[in-house]
């Protein structure tokens, strides 16, 4: 997994025993630490592209505070979920979002 182990300014605590959860991205089963956001879990699993604009340009992690909409994904059939502020849950189904997403009505 790709995770930050050392940082020149931030203190990164060592995880003694991590509790893992499983979730699915594009149908592939992945592991995350309990408490991970979708974005941090995807990045830790080597996934940098979370979706595409309506013009086919890749989108991913940018602001990390839920303001820019660059990390929008579809979660359990619901479009426009911000991956950077939404926690991973056991068994959740995450898909790349294309464009503005489709409303669930």
PDB file of N, CA and C in Angstrom:
ATOM      1  N   UNK A   1       0.840  -1.193   0.000  1.00  0.00           N
ATOM      2  CA  UNK A   1       0.000   0.000   0.000  1.00  0.00           C
ATOM      3  C   UNK A   1       0.877   1.245   0.000  1.00  0.00           C
ATOM      4  N   UNK A   2       0.411   2.272  -0.692  1.00  0.00           N
ATOM      5  CA  UNK A   2       1.132   3.550  -0.720  1.00  0.00           C
ATOM      6  C   UNK A   2       0.599   4.429   0.402  1.00  0.00           C
ATOM      7  N   UNK A   3       1.407   4.626   1.414  1.00  0.00           N
ATOM      8  CA  UNK A   3       1.032   5.494   2.524  1.00  0.00           C
ATOM      9  C   UNK A   3       2.234   6.325   2.926  1.00  0.00           C
ATOM     10  N   UNK A   4       1.965   7.496   3.458  1.00  0.00           N
ATOM     11  CA  UNK A   4       3.038   8.352   3.941  1.00  0.00           C
ATOM     12  C   UNK A   4       3.530   7.778   5.265  1.00  0.00           C
ATOM     13  N   UNK A   5       4.802   7.471   5.319  1.00  0.00           N
ATOM     14  CA  UNK A   5       5.391   6.923   6.535  1.00  0.00           C
ATOM     15  C   UNK A   5       6.150   7.964   7.335  1.00  0.00           C
ATOM     16  N   UNK A   6       6.720   8.942   6.637  1.00  0.00           N
ATOM     17  CA  UNK A   6       7.462  10.021   7.293  1.00  0.00           C
ATOM     18  C   UNK A   6       7.107  11.328   6.614  1.00  0.00           C
ATOM     19  N   UNK A   7       7.099  12.388   7.408  1.00  0.00           N
ATOM     20  CA  UNK A   7       6.794  13.713   6.884  1.00  0.00           C
ATOM     21  C   UNK A   7       7.651  14.719   7.631  1.00  0.00           C
ATOM     22  N   UNK A   8       8.188  15.738   6.948  1.00  0.00           N
ATOM     23  CA  UNK A   8       9.085  16.683   7.615  1.00  0.00           C
ATOM     24  C   UNK A   8       8.390  17.575   8.648  1.00  0.00           C
ATOM     25  N   UNK A   9       7.084  17.723   8.577  1.00  0.00           N
ATOM     26  CA  UNK A   9       6.372  18.607   9.509  1.00  0.00           C
ATOM     27  C   UNK A   9       5.362  17.845  10.367  1.00  0.00           C
ATOM     28  N   UNK A  10       4.610  16.962   9.744  1.00  0.00           N
ATOM     29  CA  UNK A  10       3.546  16.255  10.450  1.00  0.00           C
ATOM     30  C   UNK A  10       4.066  15.042  11.191  1.00  0.00           C
ATOM     31  N   UNK A  11       3.477  14.783  12.347  1.00  0.00           N
ATOM     32  CA  UNK A  11       3.756  13.575  13.101  1.00  0.00           C
ATOM     33  C   UNK A  11       2.820  12.489  12.601  1.00  0.00           C
ATOM     34  N   UNK A  12       3.354  11.386  12.156  1.00  0.00           N
ATOM     35  CA  UNK A  12       2.523  10.292  11.680  1.00  0.00           C
ATOM     36  C   UNK A  12       2.665   9.151  12.678  1.00  0.00           C
ATOM     37  N   UNK A  13       1.577   8.887  13.419  1.00  0.00           N
ATOM     38  CA  UNK A  13       1.669   7.830  14.439  1.00  0.00           C
ATOM     39  C   UNK A  13       1.808   6.452  13.809  1.00  0.00           C
ATOM     40  N   UNK A  14       2.554   5.593  14.497  1.00  0.00           N
ATOM     41  CA  UNK A  14       2.665   4.216  14.034  1.00  0.00           C
ATOM     42  C   UNK A  14       1.384   3.490  14.409  1.00  0.00           C
ATOM     43  N   UNK A  15       0.897   2.708  13.488  1.00  0.00           N
ATOM     44  CA  UNK A  15      -0.309   1.933  13.744  1.00  0.00           C
ATOM     45  C   UNK A  15       0.121   0.569  14.250  1.00  0.00           C
ATOM     46  N   UNK A  16      -0.227   0.270  15.502  1.00  0.00           N
ATOM     47  CA  UNK A  16       0.171  -0.999  16.089  1.00  0.00           C
ATOM     48  C   UNK A  16      -0.565  -2.168  15.450  1.00  0.00           C
ATOM     49  N   UNK A  17      -1.893  -2.104  15.490  1.00  0.00           N
ATOM     50  CA  UNK A  17      -2.686  -3.155  14.861  1.00  0.00           C
ATOM     51  C   UNK A  17      -3.839  -2.472  14.159  1.00  0.00           C
ATOM     52  N   UNK A  18      -3.788  -2.461  12.863  1.00  0.00           N
ATOM     53  CA  UNK A  18      -4.819  -1.767  12.109  1.00  0.00           C
ATOM     54  C   UNK A  18      -6.010  -2.672  11.847  1.00  0.00           C
ATOM     55  N   UNK A  19      -7.177  -2.081  11.957  1.00  0.00           N
ATOM     56  CA  UNK A  19      -8.398  -2.804  11.632  1.00  0.00           C
ATOM     57  C   UNK A  19      -8.706  -2.536  10.168  1.00  0.00           C
ATOM     58  N   UNK A  20      -8.793  -3.600   9.396  1.00  0.00           N
ATOM     59  CA  UNK A  20      -9.016  -3.457   7.969  1.00  0.00           C
ATOM     60  C   UNK A  20     -10.476  -3.694   7.612  1.00  0.00           C
ATOM     61  N   UNK A  21     -10.914  -2.983   6.594  1.00  0.00           N
ATOM     62  CA  UNK A  21     -12.244  -3.198   6.026  1.00  0.00           C
ATOM     63  C   UNK A  21     -12.061  -3.455   4.535  1.00  0.00           C
ATOM     64  N   UNK A  22     -13.007  -4.167   3.962  1.00  0.00           N
ATOM     65  CA  UNK A  22     -12.989  -4.440   2.521  1.00  0.00           C
ATOM     66  C   UNK A  22     -14.035  -3.588   1.836  1.00  0.00           C
ATOM     67  N   UNK A  23     -13.690  -3.080   0.655  1.00  0.00           N
ATOM     68  CA  UNK A  23     -14.644  -2.359  -0.161  1.00  0.00           C
ATOM     69  C   UNK A  23     -14.315  -2.678  -1.611  1.00  0.00           C
ATOM     70  N   UNK A  24     -15.166  -2.242  -2.520  1.00  0.00           N
ATOM     71  CA  UNK A  24     -14.983  -2.561  -3.936  1.00  0.00           C
ATOM     72  C   UNK A  24     -14.849  -1.281  -4.739  1.00  0.00           C
ATOM     73  N   UNK A  25     -13.888  -1.274  -5.649  1.00  0.00           N
ATOM     74  CA  UNK A  25     -13.726  -0.162  -6.576  1.00  0.00           C
ATOM     75  C   UNK A  25     -13.762  -0.731  -7.981  1.00  0.00           C
ATOM     76  N   UNK A  26     -14.749  -0.303  -8.745  1.00  0.00           N
ATOM     77  CA  UNK A  26     -14.930  -0.813 -10.103  1.00  0.00           C
ATOM     78  C   UNK A  26     -15.018  -2.344 -10.094  1.00  0.00           C
ATOM     79  N   UNK A  27     -15.627  -2.895  -9.047  1.00  0.00           N
ATOM     80  CA  UNK A  27     -15.815  -4.340  -8.944  1.00  0.00           C
ATOM     81  C   UNK A  27     -14.649  -5.107  -8.353  1.00  0.00           C
ATOM     82  N   UNK A  28     -13.518  -4.444  -8.110  1.00  0.00           N
ATOM     83  CA  UNK A  28     -12.335  -5.103  -7.556  1.00  0.00           C
ATOM     84  C   UNK A  28     -12.311  -4.916  -6.039  1.00  0.00           C
ATOM     85  N   UNK A  29     -12.129  -6.011  -5.312  1.00  0.00           N
ATOM     86  CA  UNK A  29     -12.091  -5.955  -3.852  1.00  0.00           C
ATOM     87  C   UNK A  29     -10.758  -5.365  -3.384  1.00  0.00           C
ATOM     88  N   UNK A  30     -10.853  -4.345  -2.524  1.00  0.00           N
ATOM     89  CA  UNK A  30      -9.673  -3.674  -1.970  1.00  0.00           C
ATOM     90  C   UNK A  30      -9.765  -3.642  -0.453  1.00  0.00           C
ATOM     91  N   UNK A  31      -8.638  -3.379   0.186  1.00  0.00           N
ATOM     92  CA  UNK A  31      -8.574  -3.241   1.638  1.00  0.00           C
ATOM     93  C   UNK A  31      -8.299  -1.786   2.007  1.00  0.00           C
ATOM     94  N   UNK A  32      -8.851  -1.371   3.133  1.00  0.00           N
ATOM     95  CA  UNK A  32      -8.603  -0.024   3.668  1.00  0.00           C
ATOM     96  C   UNK A  32      -8.494  -0.130   5.180  1.00  0.00           C
ATOM     97  N   UNK A  33      -7.884   0.862   5.778  1.00  0.00           N
ATOM     98  CA  UNK A  33      -7.883   0.953   7.240  1.00  0.00           C
ATOM     99  C   UNK A  33      -9.204   1.563   7.682  1.00  0.00           C
ATOM    100  N   UNK A  34      -9.760   1.047   8.760  1.00  0.00           N
ATOM    101  CA  UNK A  34     -10.963   1.666   9.314  1.00  0.00           C
ATOM    102  C   UNK A  34     -10.625   3.123   9.632  1.00  0.00           C
ATOM    103  N   UNK A  35     -11.474   4.038   9.202  1.00  0.00           N
ATOM    104  CA  UNK A  35     -11.229   5.465   9.396  1.00  0.00           C
ATOM    105  C   UNK A  35     -10.659   6.153   8.174  1.00  0.00           C
ATOM    106  N   UNK A  36     -10.261   5.375   7.161  1.00  0.00           N
ATOM    107  CA  UNK A  36      -9.790   5.964   5.903  1.00  0.00           C
ATOM    108  C   UNK A  36     -10.947   6.633   5.174  1.00  0.00           C
ATOM    109  N   UNK A  37     -10.640   7.704   4.470  1.00  0.00           N
ATOM    110  CA  UNK A  37     -11.610   8.224   3.514  1.00  0.00           C
ATOM    111  C   UNK A  37     -11.506   7.371   2.251  1.00  0.00           C
ATOM    112  N   UNK A  38     -12.495   7.493   1.389  1.00  0.00           N
ATOM    113  CA  UNK A  38     -12.426   6.768   0.119  1.00  0.00           C
ATOM    114  C   UNK A  38     -11.172   7.186  -0.640  1.00  0.00           C
ATOM    115  N   UNK A  39     -10.888   8.481  -0.667  1.00  0.00           N
ATOM    116  CA  UNK A  39      -9.715   8.982  -1.394  1.00  0.00           C
ATOM    117  C   UNK A  39      -8.418   8.399  -0.843  1.00  0.00           C
ATOM    118  N   UNK A  40      -8.235   8.418   0.473  1.00  0.00           N
ATOM    119  CA  UNK A  40      -6.980   7.893   1.033  1.00  0.00           C
ATOM    120  C   UNK A  40      -6.863   6.397   0.795  1.00  0.00           C
ATOM    121  N   UNK A  41      -7.978   5.679   0.837  1.00  0.00           N
ATOM    122  CA  UNK A  41      -7.957   4.240   0.577  1.00  0.00           C
ATOM    123  C   UNK A  41      -7.613   3.950  -0.882  1.00  0.00           C
ATOM    124  N   UNK A  42      -8.185   4.729  -1.796  1.00  0.00           N
ATOM    125  CA  UNK A  42      -7.869   4.523  -3.212  1.00  0.00           C
ATOM    126  C   UNK A  42      -6.400   4.809  -3.487  1.00  0.00           C
ATOM    127  N   UNK A  43      -5.900   5.910  -2.965  1.00  0.00           N
ATOM    128  CA  UNK A  43      -4.497   6.261  -3.186  1.00  0.00           C
ATOM    129  C   UNK A  43      -3.575   5.204  -2.575  1.00  0.00           C
ATOM    130  N   UNK A  44      -3.911   4.720  -1.371  1.00  0.00           N
ATOM    131  CA  UNK A  44      -3.099   3.675  -0.732  1.00  0.00           C
ATOM    132  C   UNK A  44      -3.072   2.404  -1.570  1.00  0.00           C
ATOM    133  N   UNK A  45      -4.115   2.179  -2.358  1.00  0.00           N
ATOM    134  CA  UNK A  45      -4.194   1.007  -3.228  1.00  0.00           C
ATOM    135  C   UNK A  45      -3.681   1.284  -4.638  1.00  0.00           C
ATOM    136  N   UNK A  46      -3.037   2.442  -4.843  1.00  0.00           N
ATOM    137  CA  UNK A  46      -2.412   2.745  -6.126  1.00  0.00           C
ATOM    138  C   UNK A  46      -3.350   3.330  -7.166  1.00  0.00           C
ATOM    139  N   UNK A  47      -4.513   3.810  -6.749  1.00  0.00           N
ATOM    140  CA  UNK A  47      -5.493   4.366  -7.689  1.00  0.00           C
ATOM    141  C   UNK A  47      -5.506   5.877  -7.552  1.00  0.00           C
ATOM    142  N   UNK A  48      -5.154   6.574  -8.630  1.00  0.00           N
ATOM    143  CA  UNK A  48      -5.084   8.030  -8.624  1.00  0.00           C
ATOM    144  C   UNK A  48      -6.207   8.683  -9.417  1.00  0.00           C
ATOM    145  N   UNK A  49      -6.833   7.948 -10.315  1.00  0.00           N
ATOM    146  CA  UNK A  49      -7.911   8.509 -11.129  1.00  0.00           C
ATOM    147  C   UNK A  49      -9.244   8.033 -10.567  1.00  0.00           C
ATOM    148  N   UNK A  50     -10.027   8.975 -10.064  1.00  0.00           N
ATOM    149  CA  UNK A  50     -11.312   8.659  -9.423  1.00  0.00           C
ATOM    150  C   UNK A  50     -12.470   8.769 -10.398  1.00  0.00           C
ATOM    151  N   UNK A  51     -12.281   9.448 -11.505  1.00  0.00           N
ATOM    152  CA  UNK A  51     -13.340   9.621 -12.490  1.00  0.00           C
ATOM    153  C   UNK A  51     -12.844  10.461 -13.646  1.00  0.00           C
ATOM    154  N   UNK A  52     -13.798  10.890 -14.476  1.00  0.00           N
ATOM    155  CA  UNK A  52     -13.459  11.667 -15.666  1.00  0.00           C
ATOM    156  C   UNK A  52     -14.463  12.798 -15.858  1.00  0.00           C
ATOM    157  N   UNK A  53     -13.999  13.887 -16.423  1.00  0.00           N
ATOM    158  CA  UNK A  53     -14.899  14.980 -16.771  1.00  0.00           C
ATOM    159  C   UNK A  53     -15.773  14.537 -17.936  1.00  0.00           C
ATOM    160  N   UNK A  54     -16.774  15.342 -18.262  1.00  0.00           N
ATOM    161  CA  UNK A  54     -17.630  15.013 -19.409  1.00  0.00           C
ATOM    162  C   UNK A  54     -16.844  15.058 -20.720  1.00  0.00           C
ATOM    163  N   UNK A  55     -15.626  15.635 -20.685  1.00  0.00           N
ATOM    164  CA  UNK A  55     -14.764  15.706 -21.868  1.00  0.00           C
ATOM    165  C   UNK A  55     -13.679  14.623 -21.858  1.00  0.00           C
ATOM    166  N   UNK A  56     -13.751  13.711 -20.896  1.00  0.00           N
ATOM    167  CA  UNK A  56     -12.814  12.594 -20.847  1.00  0.00           C
ATOM    168  C   UNK A  56     -11.502  12.854 -20.130  1.00  0.00           C
ATOM    169  N   UNK A  57     -11.367  14.001 -19.472  1.00  0.00           N
ATOM    170  CA  UNK A  57     -10.139  14.310 -18.724  1.00  0.00           C
ATOM    171  C   UNK A  57     -10.190  13.624 -17.357  1.00  0.00           C
ATOM    172  N   UNK A  58      -9.072  13.044 -16.899  1.00  0.00           N
ATOM    173  CA  UNK A  58      -9.071  12.361 -15.605  1.00  0.00           C
ATOM    174  C   UNK A  58      -9.246  13.328 -14.437  1.00  0.00           C
ATOM    175  N   UNK A  59      -9.909  12.822 -13.393  1.00  0.00           N
ATOM    176  CA  UNK A  59     -10.106  13.592 -12.169  1.00  0.00           C
ATOM    177  C   UNK A  59      -9.598  12.767 -10.998  1.00  0.00           C
ATOM    178  N   UNK A  60      -9.186  13.448  -9.935  1.00  0.00           N
ATOM    179  CA  UNK A  60      -8.687  12.730  -8.762  1.00  0.00           C
ATOM    180  C   UNK A  60      -8.642  13.624  -7.548  1.00  0.00           C
ATOM    181  N   UNK A  61      -7.702  13.337  -6.692  1.00  0.00           N
ATOM    182  CA  UNK A  61      -7.532  14.017  -5.409  1.00  0.00           C
ATOM    183  C   UNK A  61      -6.947  15.410  -5.641  1.00  0.00           C
ATOM    184  N   UNK A  62      -7.572  16.451  -5.055  1.00  0.00           N
ATOM    185  CA  UNK A  62      -7.038  17.800  -5.241  1.00  0.00           C
ATOM    186  C   UNK A  62      -7.051  18.587  -3.937  1.00  0.00           C
ATOM    187  N   UNK A  63      -8.204  19.055  -3.483  1.00  0.00           N
ATOM    188  CA  UNK A  63      -8.222  19.969  -2.333  1.00  0.00           C
ATOM    189  C   UNK A  63      -8.209  19.263  -0.977  1.00  0.00           C
ATOM    190  N   UNK A  64      -8.766  18.062  -0.900  1.00  0.00           N
ATOM    191  CA  UNK A  64      -8.808  17.244   0.323  1.00  0.00           C
ATOM    192  C   UNK A  64      -9.710  17.799   1.420  1.00  0.00           C
ATOM    193  N   UNK A  65     -10.562  18.783   1.110  1.00  0.00           N
ATOM    194  CA  UNK A  65     -11.465  19.335   2.124  1.00  0.00           C
ATOM    195  C   UNK A  65     -12.913  19.417   1.647  1.00  0.00           C
ATOM    196  N   UNK A  66     -13.218  18.778   0.520  1.00  0.00           N
ATOM    197  CA  UNK A  66     -14.596  18.710   0.055  1.00  0.00           C
ATOM    198  C   UNK A  66     -15.125  19.932  -0.653  1.00  0.00           C
ATOM    199  N   UNK A  67     -14.257  20.785  -1.166  1.00  0.00           N
ATOM    200  CA  UNK A  67     -14.703  22.028  -1.806  1.00  0.00           C
ATOM    201  C   UNK A  67     -14.630  22.024  -3.328  1.00  0.00           C
ATOM    202  N   UNK A  68     -13.729  21.233  -3.922  1.00  0.00           N
ATOM    203  CA  UNK A  68     -13.454  21.403  -5.354  1.00  0.00           C
ATOM    204  C   UNK A  68     -14.227  20.466  -6.283  1.00  0.00           C
ATOM    205  N   UNK A  69     -14.784  19.412  -5.804  1.00  0.00           N
ATOM    206  CA  UNK A  69     -15.534  18.428  -6.604  1.00  0.00           C
ATOM    207  C   UNK A  69     -14.671  17.632  -7.571  1.00  0.00           C
ATOM    208  N   UNK A  70     -13.367  17.658  -7.410  1.00  0.00           N
ATOM    209  CA  UNK A  70     -12.496  16.905  -8.298  1.00  0.00           C
ATOM    210  C   UNK A  70     -12.513  15.409  -7.981  1.00  0.00           C
ATOM    211  N   UNK A  71     -12.917  15.041  -6.783  1.00  0.00           N
ATOM    212  CA  UNK A  71     -12.841  13.641  -6.357  1.00  0.00           C
ATOM    213  C   UNK A  71     -14.200  12.944  -6.337  1.00  0.00           C
ATOM    214  N   UNK A  72     -15.181  13.476  -7.055  1.00  0.00           N
ATOM    215  CA  UNK A  72     -16.517  12.891  -7.019  1.00  0.00           C
ATOM    216  C   UNK A  72     -16.520  11.469  -7.557  1.00  0.00           C
ATOM    217  N   UNK A  73     -17.179  10.573  -6.811  1.00  0.00           N
ATOM    218  CA  UNK A  73     -17.325   9.172  -7.198  1.00  0.00           C
ATOM    219  C   UNK A  73     -18.782   8.763  -6.992  1.00  0.00           C
ATOM    220  N   UNK A  74     -19.108   7.586  -7.483  1.00  0.00           N
ATOM    221  CA  UNK A  74     -20.421   7.002  -7.236  1.00  0.00           C
ATOM    222  C   UNK A  74     -20.257   5.932  -6.164  1.00  0.00           C
ATOM    223  N   UNK A  75     -21.077   6.021  -5.105  1.00  0.00           N
ATOM    224  CA  UNK A  75     -20.982   5.073  -4.003  1.00  0.00           C
ATOM    225  C   UNK A  75     -22.337   4.398  -3.805  1.00  0.00           C
ATOM    226  N   UNK A  76     -22.334   3.084  -3.909  1.00  0.00           N
ATOM    227  CA  UNK A  76     -23.563   2.297  -3.745  1.00  0.00           C
ATOM    228  C   UNK A  76     -24.705   2.862  -4.579  1.00  0.00           C
ATOM    229  N   UNK A  77     -24.386   3.277  -5.803  1.00  0.00           N
ATOM    230  CA  UNK A  77     -25.389   3.781  -6.733  1.00  0.00           C
ATOM    231  C   UNK A  77     -25.723   5.248  -6.598  1.00  0.00           C
ATOM    232  N   UNK A  78     -25.099   5.944  -5.654  1.00  0.00           N
ATOM    233  CA  UNK A  78     -25.355   7.367  -5.439  1.00  0.00           C
ATOM    234  C   UNK A  78     -24.214   8.176  -6.047  1.00  0.00           C
ATOM    235  N   UNK A  79     -24.548   9.070  -6.971  1.00  0.00           N
ATOM    236  CA  UNK A  79     -23.536   9.893  -7.645  1.00  0.00           C
ATOM    237  C   UNK A  79     -23.140  11.094  -6.790  1.00  0.00           C
ATOM    238  N   UNK A  80     -22.035  11.723  -7.162  1.00  0.00           N
ATOM    239  CA  UNK A  80     -21.567  12.984  -6.578  1.00  0.00           C
ATOM    240  C   UNK A  80     -21.172  12.888  -5.104  1.00  0.00           C
ATOM    241  N   UNK A  81     -20.564  11.769  -4.733  1.00  0.00           N
ATOM    242  CA  UNK A  81     -20.052  11.598  -3.367  1.00  0.00           C
ATOM    243  C   UNK A  81     -18.612  12.081  -3.354  1.00  0.00           C
ATOM    244  N   UNK A  82     -18.271  12.939  -2.396  1.00  0.00           N
ATOM    245  CA  UNK A  82     -16.914  13.464  -2.289  1.00  0.00           C
ATOM    246  C   UNK A  82     -16.013  12.425  -1.601  1.00  0.00           C
ATOM    247  N   UNK A  83     -15.099  11.867  -2.377  1.00  0.00           N
ATOM    248  CA  UNK A  83     -14.225  10.803  -1.876  1.00  0.00           C
ATOM    249  C   UNK A  83     -13.283  11.286  -0.783  1.00  0.00           C
ATOM    250  N   UNK A  84     -12.951  12.572  -0.793  1.00  0.00           N
ATOM    251  CA  UNK A  84     -11.966  13.087   0.165  1.00  0.00           C
ATOM    252  C   UNK A  84     -12.520  13.256   1.576  1.00  0.00           C
ATOM    253  N   UNK A  85     -13.842  13.273   1.738  1.00  0.00           N
ATOM    254  CA  UNK A  85     -14.409  13.471   3.076  1.00  0.00           C
ATOM    255  C   UNK A  85     -15.378  12.359   3.487  1.00  0.00           C
ATOM    256  N   UNK A  86     -15.517  11.331   2.658  1.00  0.00           N
ATOM    257  CA  UNK A  86     -16.432  10.228   2.950  1.00  0.00           C
ATOM    258  C   UNK A  86     -15.633   9.012   3.401  1.00  0.00           C
ATOM    259  N   UNK A  87     -15.981   8.480   4.561  1.00  0.00           N
ATOM    260  CA  UNK A  87     -15.262   7.328   5.100  1.00  0.00           C
ATOM    261  C   UNK A  87     -15.648   6.042   4.384  1.00  0.00           C
ATOM    262  N   UNK A  88     -14.686   5.156   4.271  1.00  0.00           N
ATOM    263  CA  UNK A  88     -14.921   3.835   3.697  1.00  0.00           C
ATOM    264  C   UNK A  88     -15.722   3.008   4.689  1.00  0.00           C
ATOM    265  N   UNK A  89     -16.692   2.264   4.178  1.00  0.00           N
ATOM    266  CA  UNK A  89     -17.458   1.323   4.992  1.00  0.00           C
ATOM    267  C   UNK A  89     -17.303  -0.075   4.412  1.00  0.00           C
ATOM    268  N   UNK A  90     -17.414  -1.053   5.266  1.00  0.00           N
ATOM    269  CA  UNK A  90     -17.322  -2.449   4.855  1.00  0.00           C
ATOM    270  C   UNK A  90     -18.308  -2.740   3.725  1.00  0.00           C
ATOM    271  N   UNK A  91     -17.783  -3.294   2.625  1.00  0.00           N
ATOM    272  CA  UNK A  91     -18.611  -3.738   1.520  1.00  0.00           C
ATOM    273  C   UNK A  91     -19.106  -2.667   0.566  1.00  0.00           C
ATOM    274  N   UNK A  92     -18.754  -1.403   0.804  1.00  0.00           N
ATOM    275  CA  UNK A  92     -19.268  -0.348  -0.084  1.00  0.00           C
ATOM    276  C   UNK A  92     -18.758  -0.549  -1.505  1.00  0.00           C
ATOM    277  N   UNK A  93     -19.596  -0.164  -2.452  1.00  0.00           N
ATOM    278  CA  UNK A  93     -19.284  -0.275  -3.874  1.00  0.00           C
ATOM    279  C   UNK A  93     -18.988   1.121  -4.409  1.00  0.00           C
ATOM    280  N   UNK A  94     -17.759   1.352  -4.839  1.00  0.00           N
ATOM    281  CA  UNK A  94     -17.336   2.652  -5.348  1.00  0.00           C
ATOM    282  C   UNK A  94     -17.044   2.518  -6.840  1.00  0.00           C
ATOM    283  N   UNK A  95     -17.519   3.474  -7.613  1.00  0.00           N
ATOM    284  CA  UNK A  95     -17.258   3.484  -9.054  1.00  0.00           C
ATOM    285  C   UNK A  95     -16.763   4.860  -9.472  1.00  0.00           C
ATOM    286  N   UNK A  96     -15.984   4.871 -10.538  1.00  0.00           N
ATOM    287  CA  UNK A  96     -15.562   6.145 -11.126  1.00  0.00           C
ATOM    288  C   UNK A  96     -16.787   6.869 -11.655  1.00  0.00           C
ATOM    289  N   UNK A  97     -16.796   8.172 -11.473  1.00  0.00           N
ATOM    290  CA  UNK A  97     -17.893   8.983 -11.993  1.00  0.00           C
ATOM    291  C   UNK A  97     -17.444   9.693 -13.256  1.00  0.00           C
ATOM    292  N   UNK A  98     -18.307   9.702 -14.248  1.00  0.00           N
ATOM    293  CA  UNK A  98     -18.031  10.409 -15.494  1.00  0.00           C
ATOM    294  C   UNK A  98     -18.950  11.624 -15.547  1.00  0.00           C
ATOM    295  N   UNK A  99     -18.344  12.785 -15.723  1.00  0.00           N
ATOM    296  CA  UNK A  99     -19.121  14.022 -15.813  1.00  0.00           C
ATOM    297  C   UNK A  99     -19.803  14.370 -14.507  1.00  0.00           C
ATOM    298  N   UNK A 100     -21.022  14.846 -14.613  1.00  0.00           N
ATOM    299  CA  UNK A 100     -21.762  15.306 -13.433  1.00  0.00           C
ATOM    300  C   UNK A 100     -22.443  14.184 -12.670  1.00  0.00           C
ATOM    301  N   UNK A 101     -22.357  12.990 -13.172  1.00  0.00           N
ATOM    302  CA  UNK A 101     -23.004  11.872 -12.512  1.00  0.00           C
ATOM    303  C   UNK A 101     -24.483  11.855 -12.868  1.00  0.00           C
ATOM    304  N   UNK A 102     -25.094  10.736 -12.584  1.00  0.00           N
ATOM    305  CA  UNK A 102     -26.509  10.643 -12.871  1.00  0.00           C
ATOM    306  C   UNK A 102     -27.286  10.660 -11.563  1.00  0.00           C
ATOM    307  N   UNK A 103     -28.357  11.439 -11.513  1.00  0.00           N
ATOM    308  CA  UNK A 103     -29.135  11.475 -10.274  1.00  0.00           C
ATOM    309  C   UNK A 103     -29.826  10.133 -10.041  1.00  0.00           C
ATOM    310  N   UNK A 104     -30.050   9.808  -8.801  1.00  0.00           N
ATOM    311  CA  UNK A 104     -30.706   8.549  -8.434  1.00  0.00           C
ATOM    312  C   UNK A 104     -32.138   8.860  -8.035  1.00  0.00           C
ATOM    313  N   UNK A 105     -33.072   8.808  -8.998  1.00  0.00           N
ATOM    314  CA  UNK A 105     -34.485   9.067  -8.716  1.00  0.00           C
ATOM    315  C   UNK A 105     -35.297   7.894  -9.106  1.00  0.00           C
TER     316      UNK A 105
END
